[in-house]
Protein backbone atom coordinates (compact mmCIF):
# COMPACT_ATOMS: atom_id res chain seq x y z
CA UNK A 1 135.97 78.97 -79.63
CA UNK A 2 132.69 78.15 -80.62
CA UNK A 3 131.33 75.52 -83.77
CA UNK A 4 128.71 73.36 -84.25
CA UNK A 5 127.24 70.91 -87.33
CA UNK A 6 123.18 72.22 -86.31
CA UNK A 7 121.72 74.57 -88.35
CA UNK A 8 123.36 73.53 -91.70
CA UNK A 9 120.77 72.05 -94.54
CA UNK A 10 122.01 70.37 -97.63
CA UNK A 11 119.85 72.43 -100.60
CA UNK A 12 122.11 70.66 -103.18
CA UNK A 13 125.40 68.73 -104.70
CA UNK A 14 125.77 69.45 -108.15
CA UNK A 15 128.23 68.23 -110.20
CA UNK A 16 130.13 69.06 -113.64
CA UNK A 17 133.20 68.59 -115.90
CA UNK A 18 135.63 68.82 -113.62
CA UNK A 19 134.12 68.83 -110.07
CA UNK A 20 131.39 70.02 -107.99
CA UNK A 21 129.04 73.04 -106.21
CA UNK A 22 127.94 71.87 -102.50
CA UNK A 23 125.07 74.29 -101.43
CA UNK A 24 123.31 74.35 -98.25
CA UNK A 25 121.46 76.65 -96.33
CA UNK A 26 123.10 78.34 -92.72
CA UNK A 27 120.25 79.41 -89.68
CA UNK A 28 123.58 80.30 -87.86
CA UNK A 29 123.13 83.87 -88.04
CA UNK A 30 126.36 84.64 -86.02
CA UNK A 31 128.39 82.06 -87.64
CA UNK A 32 130.11 81.15 -91.08
CA UNK A 33 130.56 77.93 -92.40
CA UNK A 34 133.86 76.18 -93.12
CA UNK A 35 133.70 73.23 -95.66
CA UNK A 36 136.51 70.24 -95.04
CA UNK A 37 137.50 67.69 -97.65
CA UNK A 38 139.12 64.57 -96.41
CA UNK A 39 140.08 65.84 -93.17
CA UNK A 40 141.45 69.29 -93.90
CA UNK A 41 140.01 72.70 -93.84
CA UNK A 42 139.30 73.20 -97.84
CA UNK A 43 137.30 76.54 -98.03
CA UNK A 44 134.90 78.70 -95.95
CA UNK A 45 133.02 81.92 -96.30
CA UNK A 46 134.03 85.18 -95.64
CA UNK A 47 131.14 86.56 -93.46
CA UNK A 48 127.96 85.23 -92.10
CA UNK A 49 125.03 84.64 -95.44
CA UNK A 50 122.00 82.18 -94.69
CA UNK A 51 122.49 80.45 -98.04
CA UNK A 52 126.61 79.55 -99.00
CA UNK A 53 128.16 77.42 -101.64
CA UNK A 54 131.49 75.46 -101.77
CA UNK A 55 132.88 74.28 -105.41
CA UNK A 56 135.13 71.51 -104.75
CA UNK A 57 137.06 69.10 -107.06
CA UNK A 58 135.52 66.14 -108.74
CA UNK A 59 135.27 63.18 -105.64
CA UNK A 60 136.20 60.38 -106.17
CA UNK A 61 134.50 57.31 -104.36
CA UNK A 62 135.40 56.92 -100.51
CA UNK A 63 136.56 60.99 -100.52
CA UNK A 64 134.52 62.73 -97.62
CA UNK A 65 133.15 66.32 -97.00
CA UNK A 66 131.93 67.84 -93.99
CA UNK A 67 130.25 71.46 -93.36
CA UNK A 68 130.82 73.27 -90.09
CA UNK A 69 129.58 76.28 -88.50
CA UNK A 70 132.30 78.51 -86.59
CA UNK A 71 132.53 81.72 -84.97
CA UNK A 72 133.15 84.94 -86.96
CA UNK A 73 136.47 85.06 -86.97
CA UNK A 74 137.55 81.84 -86.86
CA UNK A 75 136.73 81.13 -90.07
CA UNK A 76 140.75 79.94 -91.04
CA UNK A 77 140.87 77.88 -87.40
CA UNK A 78 140.50 73.81 -88.24
CA UNK A 79 138.53 72.25 -86.61
CA UNK A 80 138.31 68.62 -87.86
CA UNK A 81 140.02 67.04 -84.88
CA UNK A 82 137.85 68.31 -82.21
CA UNK A 83 133.97 68.99 -84.32
CA UNK A 84 134.32 65.31 -86.30
CA UNK A 85 136.36 63.15 -84.46
CA UNK A 86 133.52 60.55 -84.18
CA UNK A 87 131.61 61.35 -87.43
CA UNK A 88 134.54 60.64 -89.39
CA UNK A 89 134.33 57.53 -89.12
CA UNK A 90 130.43 57.38 -90.24
CA UNK A 91 130.43 55.87 -93.82
CA UNK A 92 127.27 57.50 -95.74
CA UNK A 93 124.12 59.95 -95.66
CA UNK A 94 120.60 59.73 -96.47
CA UNK A 95 119.41 62.04 -99.55
CA UNK A 96 116.34 62.73 -100.31
CA UNK A 97 115.21 64.63 -103.59
CA UNK A 98 111.85 66.14 -104.81
CA UNK A 99 111.53 67.20 -107.98
CA UNK A 100 109.64 70.55 -108.41
CA UNK A 101 107.76 68.65 -111.86
CA UNK A 102 104.78 69.69 -112.91
CA UNK A 103 102.58 68.66 -109.58
CA UNK A 104 99.07 69.50 -108.12
CA UNK A 105 100.69 71.30 -105.14
CA UNK A 106 99.77 75.32 -104.58
CA UNK A 107 101.90 78.56 -103.52
CA UNK A 108 101.53 77.86 -100.07
CA UNK A 109 101.87 73.67 -99.69
CA UNK A 110 104.86 72.79 -97.69
CA UNK A 111 107.08 69.43 -97.69
CA UNK A 112 108.36 67.74 -95.07
CA UNK A 113 111.22 65.00 -94.89
CA UNK A 114 111.15 62.43 -91.67
CA UNK A 115 113.67 59.81 -90.80
CA UNK A 116 113.99 57.48 -87.91
CA UNK A 117 117.13 55.88 -86.01
CA UNK A 118 118.47 52.80 -87.54
CA UNK A 119 115.85 49.64 -86.54
CA UNK A 120 112.96 52.66 -85.85
CA UNK A 121 109.62 51.02 -87.07
CA UNK A 122 108.77 54.19 -88.54
CA UNK A 123 110.14 57.66 -89.60
CA UNK A 124 109.10 59.76 -86.81
CA UNK A 125 111.45 62.63 -86.57
CA UNK A 126 111.09 65.63 -88.90
CA UNK A 127 114.39 66.44 -89.97
CA UNK A 128 113.54 69.35 -92.17
CA UNK A 129 110.34 70.99 -93.90
CA UNK A 130 110.31 74.01 -96.11
CA UNK A 131 107.55 75.65 -98.67
CA UNK A 132 107.41 73.50 -101.71
CA UNK A 133 107.39 76.26 -103.81
CA UNK A 134 109.49 79.09 -101.61
CA UNK A 135 107.65 82.54 -102.03
CA UNK A 136 105.13 80.82 -104.78
CA UNK A 137 108.27 80.79 -107.45
CA UNK A 138 106.92 78.77 -110.38
CA UNK A 139 103.89 77.27 -108.92
CA UNK A 140 101.78 75.48 -111.06
CA UNK A 141 100.73 76.31 -114.55
CA UNK A 142 101.44 74.84 -117.55
CA UNK A 143 104.43 77.64 -117.52
CA UNK A 144 107.20 79.63 -118.98
CA UNK A 145 107.17 80.16 -122.84
CA UNK A 146 103.79 78.37 -123.62
CA UNK A 147 101.59 81.73 -124.25
CA UNK A 148 103.18 83.85 -121.87
CA UNK A 149 100.51 83.85 -119.55
CA UNK A 150 100.17 80.60 -117.96
CA UNK A 151 97.71 78.08 -117.57
CA UNK A 152 98.32 78.81 -113.64
CA UNK A 153 99.16 80.64 -110.93
CA UNK A 154 102.43 82.36 -112.07
CA UNK A 155 101.74 83.57 -115.74
CA UNK A 156 105.01 83.17 -117.96
CA UNK A 157 107.45 82.19 -115.28
CA UNK A 158 105.43 79.08 -113.97
CA UNK A 159 106.75 75.57 -113.26
CA UNK A 160 105.00 73.37 -116.23
CA UNK A 161 105.51 72.46 -119.77
CA UNK A 162 107.63 75.54 -120.87
CA UNK A 163 110.44 75.24 -118.26
CA UNK A 164 110.29 71.19 -117.06
CA UNK A 165 109.84 70.32 -121.21
CA UNK A 166 112.24 72.05 -122.14
CA UNK A 167 114.37 72.90 -119.75
CA UNK A 168 113.41 70.57 -116.97
CA UNK A 169 112.01 67.07 -116.52
CA UNK A 170 112.25 66.49 -120.09
CA UNK A 171 115.51 68.78 -120.65
CA UNK A 172 118.32 69.04 -119.27
CA UNK A 173 117.59 69.47 -115.46
CA UNK A 174 114.93 70.35 -113.45
CA UNK A 175 115.11 71.63 -109.72
CA UNK A 176 114.84 69.53 -106.61
CA UNK A 177 113.91 69.88 -103.19
CA UNK A 178 116.60 68.29 -101.39
CA UNK A 179 117.57 67.24 -98.02
CA UNK A 180 120.78 65.67 -96.80
CA UNK A 181 121.40 63.89 -93.54
CA UNK A 182 124.53 64.40 -91.52
CA UNK A 183 127.38 61.28 -91.65
CA UNK A 184 125.24 58.38 -89.77
CA UNK A 185 126.45 54.89 -88.86
CA UNK A 186 125.62 51.79 -90.50
CA UNK A 187 122.06 50.42 -90.21
CA UNK A 188 118.28 49.86 -91.55
CA UNK A 189 116.92 53.79 -91.38
CA UNK A 190 113.28 54.56 -92.17
CA UNK A 191 112.31 57.91 -94.39
CA UNK A 192 109.19 59.73 -95.15
CA UNK A 193 107.72 62.84 -97.20
CA UNK A 194 105.19 64.22 -96.73
CA UNK A 195 103.26 67.40 -98.52
CA UNK A 196 100.80 69.52 -96.50
CA UNK A 197 98.24 72.25 -97.69
CA UNK A 198 97.47 75.35 -95.58
CA UNK A 199 94.43 74.03 -94.13
CA UNK A 200 96.49 70.97 -92.92
CA UNK A 201 95.53 68.53 -95.07
CA UNK A 202 98.21 65.86 -95.63
CA UNK A 203 99.10 64.05 -99.01
CA UNK A 204 99.55 60.69 -98.87
CA UNK A 205 103.10 59.77 -97.93
CA UNK A 206 106.11 58.52 -99.60
CA UNK A 207 107.78 56.41 -97.50
CA UNK A 208 110.02 52.96 -96.98
CA UNK A 209 113.31 52.12 -95.55
CA UNK A 210 117.07 52.64 -96.93
CA UNK A 211 119.63 50.37 -96.08
CA UNK A 212 123.30 52.21 -94.91
CA UNK A 213 126.42 49.33 -95.47
CA UNK A 214 129.39 49.90 -95.08
CA UNK A 215 132.77 49.62 -93.32
CA UNK A 216 132.55 49.28 -89.40
CA UNK A 217 133.75 52.26 -87.65
CA UNK A 218 137.05 51.49 -86.09
CA UNK A 219 137.71 50.35 -82.45
CA UNK A 220 138.21 53.13 -79.84
CA UNK A 221 140.29 53.95 -76.42
CA UNK A 222 143.49 52.07 -78.11
CA UNK A 223 145.86 51.50 -74.40
CA UNK A 224 148.31 49.45 -73.24
CA UNK A 225 146.91 47.95 -70.16
CA UNK A 226 150.23 45.77 -68.79
CA UNK A 227 153.51 45.11 -70.01
CA UNK A 228 155.67 41.56 -69.57
CA UNK A 229 159.50 42.43 -69.25
CA UNK A 230 160.00 38.25 -69.09
CA UNK A 231 158.42 37.45 -72.47
CA UNK A 232 158.80 41.05 -73.85
CA UNK A 233 154.85 41.63 -74.43
CA UNK A 234 152.13 43.86 -74.31
CA UNK A 235 149.16 43.61 -73.17
CA UNK A 236 146.51 45.67 -75.17
CA UNK A 237 143.06 46.51 -74.15
CA UNK A 238 140.03 48.51 -76.39
CA UNK A 239 136.63 49.83 -77.09
CA UNK A 240 134.93 47.82 -79.25
CA UNK A 241 133.26 48.73 -82.35
CA UNK A 242 130.00 50.13 -82.17
CA UNK A 243 129.17 48.01 -85.64
CA UNK A 244 130.62 44.85 -84.58
CA UNK A 245 128.58 42.31 -82.76
């Protein structure tokens, strides 16, 4: 038996009429990914794959989903109670998204996302890093169908007026670089996003704080401490919620 929530990065959550598509990267080469919805195993990947996606029905406010990487051959085993015994009580995630629009970045620039723990003064923990234009795809230029040879690095398929004006930024949609944290307890979390070029020069960071505010996690460890037969009463003990002062 083996499972982990590590090595899974959410790369996109896209809604459509009647449902949504969850896309993720799985760096566990020997594990398959399961998708849990509202406390039940909903879907799974049959074989290990670096990039996975799950199609879910439209989600209502308060509905919860999780991704879990498990050993090959255990894709139909429900690990909800074991793997999410604590995390299921957390109510929110932080999503950081950067559009690949007409931008002054080059094919080998990289983007990094940082966050801190609740109450930290700065976002010191790097939680995700990748190429801003993976493989140089659609980097720079005025773009697709603006003349076919373009005005940038990648010619007719470059990002820009042709690709993003008609299809992306000023049209229907544009490609996003997205990072989504695991479920987190309530609190105020610092975040930061930085672009770095091949020479190691950093952009001015985009940073701030985001407040996760939801219901408190429930208490735990409820036990019967004593029973008074004469008064027919129970004395109970429990561990208070971490979110209650």
